Amino acid sequence: MRKERPSFEKFREYFFAVLEKEIPGHEIAGNTNWEELVNEEARKKILHSLKAALEGEYNVELVITPDLYNANCSLEGLVSRLHHVFSTVYLMERINDKIRARQH
């Protein structure tokens, strides 16, 4: 049985925990612009750290498209987009789990 999908608030906590780990000592607010926060390489590292944490916890892939590395949006907007993508993949995996269970 797959672990229940994280709520938006829980997902947001994961994201901001990764931010704190990757850029310690930085005061970060939800309305901070993602593209202006750090350089592109650091943003890639942040997203891939989040991806690894979520996949380890929920066994569901967070699909990161290249446009997210340089998205011109607030952190809250980015979290919303990422949560939507994660939730969609999570739902697909749940459906696949049910199909696989019926086949065996």
Protein backbone atom coordinates (compact mmCIF):
# COMPACT_ATOMS: atom_id res chain seq x y z
CA MET A 1 0.00 0.00 0.00
CA ARG A 2 1.35 3.38 -1.03
CA LYS A 3 1.80 6.12 1.56
CA GLU A 4 -0.93 8.79 1.39
CA ARG A 5 -0.16 11.74 -0.89
CA PRO A 6 1.18 14.80 0.97
CA SER A 7 -1.17 17.73 1.40
CA PHE A 8 -0.15 21.04 -0.13
CA GLU A 9 1.01 22.24 3.29
CA LYS A 10 3.15 19.13 3.84
CA PHE A 11 4.59 19.42 0.34
CA ARG A 12 5.36 23.10 1.02
CA GLU A 13 7.16 22.08 4.22
CA TYR A 14 9.32 19.64 2.23
CA PHE A 15 10.19 22.35 -0.27
CA PHE A 16 11.11 24.96 2.33
CA ALA A 17 13.11 22.39 4.33
CA VAL A 18 15.16 21.69 1.21
CA LEU A 19 15.64 25.43 0.66
CA GLU A 20 16.89 25.86 4.22
CA LYS A 21 19.30 22.95 3.77
CA GLU A 22 20.61 24.07 0.38
CA ILE A 23 20.89 27.81 1.13
CA PRO A 24 21.36 28.08 4.90
CA GLY A 25 21.08 31.44 6.61
CA HIS A 26 18.91 32.87 3.84
CA GLU A 27 15.68 34.55 4.92
CA ILE A 28 13.14 33.16 2.46
CA ALA A 29 9.52 34.23 2.09
CA GLY A 30 6.81 32.65 -0.05
CA ASN A 31 6.65 35.71 -2.32
CA THR A 32 10.39 35.54 -3.08
CA ASN A 33 10.99 35.25 -6.82
CA TRP A 34 12.37 31.79 -7.64
CA GLU A 35 14.43 33.00 -10.58
CA GLU A 36 16.12 35.69 -8.47
CA LEU A 37 16.74 33.54 -5.38
CA VAL A 38 20.00 31.85 -6.42
CA ASN A 39 21.76 30.91 -9.65
CA GLU A 40 20.42 28.27 -12.04
CA GLU A 41 22.82 25.56 -10.87
CA ALA A 42 21.68 26.04 -7.26
CA ARG A 43 18.02 25.98 -8.33
CA LYS A 44 18.63 22.68 -10.16
CA LYS A 45 20.24 21.25 -7.04
CA ILE A 46 17.30 22.39 -4.90
CA LEU A 47 14.74 20.78 -7.21
CA HIS A 48 16.69 17.53 -7.47
CA SER A 49 17.11 17.39 -3.69
CA LEU A 50 13.34 17.85 -3.33
CA LYS A 51 12.78 15.14 -5.96
CA ALA A 52 15.04 12.70 -4.09
CA ALA A 53 13.37 13.42 -0.74
CA LEU A 54 9.86 12.93 -2.11
CA GLU A 55 10.73 9.80 -4.06
CA GLY A 56 12.36 8.32 -0.99
CA GLU A 57 9.36 9.09 1.19
CA TYR A 58 6.48 8.34 -1.20
CA ASN A 59 8.01 6.12 -3.91
CA VAL A 60 6.56 8.45 -6.55
CA GLU A 61 8.62 10.41 -9.06
CA LEU A 62 8.51 14.20 -9.06
CA VAL A 63 8.77 15.10 -12.74
CA ILE A 64 10.90 18.20 -13.16
CA THR A 65 10.71 19.86 -16.56
CA PRO A 66 13.64 22.08 -17.61
CA ASP A 67 11.45 25.20 -17.65
CA LEU A 68 11.12 24.96 -13.85
CA TYR A 69 14.81 25.74 -13.32
CA ASN A 70 14.26 29.29 -14.55
CA ALA A 71 10.56 29.81 -13.89
CA ASN A 72 9.80 33.47 -13.27
CA CYS A 73 7.38 33.01 -10.38
CA SER A 74 7.15 33.25 -6.62
CA LEU A 75 8.22 30.35 -4.44
CA GLU A 76 4.55 29.80 -3.55
CA GLY A 77 3.71 29.61 -7.26
CA LEU A 78 6.51 27.13 -7.85
CA VAL A 79 5.42 24.97 -4.92
CA SER A 80 1.87 24.98 -6.28
CA ARG A 81 3.07 23.85 -9.72
CA LEU A 82 5.31 21.16 -8.27
CA HIS A 83 2.57 19.88 -5.96
CA HIS A 84 0.16 19.65 -8.89
CA VAL A 85 2.67 17.64 -10.94
CA PHE A 86 3.50 15.38 -8.00
CA SER A 87 -0.20 14.83 -7.24
CA THR A 88 -0.91 13.91 -10.85
CA VAL A 89 1.91 11.36 -10.97
CA TYR A 90 0.84 10.04 -7.56
CA LEU A 91 -2.70 9.49 -8.84
CA MET A 92 -1.39 7.70 -11.92
CA GLU A 93 0.76 5.44 -9.73
CA ARG A 94 -2.22 4.61 -7.51
CA ILE A 95 -4.22 3.65 -10.59
CA ASN A 96 -1.30 1.53 -11.84
CA ASP A 97 -1.09 -0.16 -8.41
CA LYS A 98 -4.74 -1.15 -8.67
CA ILE A 99 -4.32 -2.46 -12.21
CA ARG A 100 -1.25 -4.51 -11.21
CA ALA A 101 -3.11 -5.90 -8.19
CA ARG A 102 -5.93 -7.13 -10.43
CA GLN A 103 -3.51 -8.83 -12.79
CA HIS A 104 -2.03 -11.03 -10.04
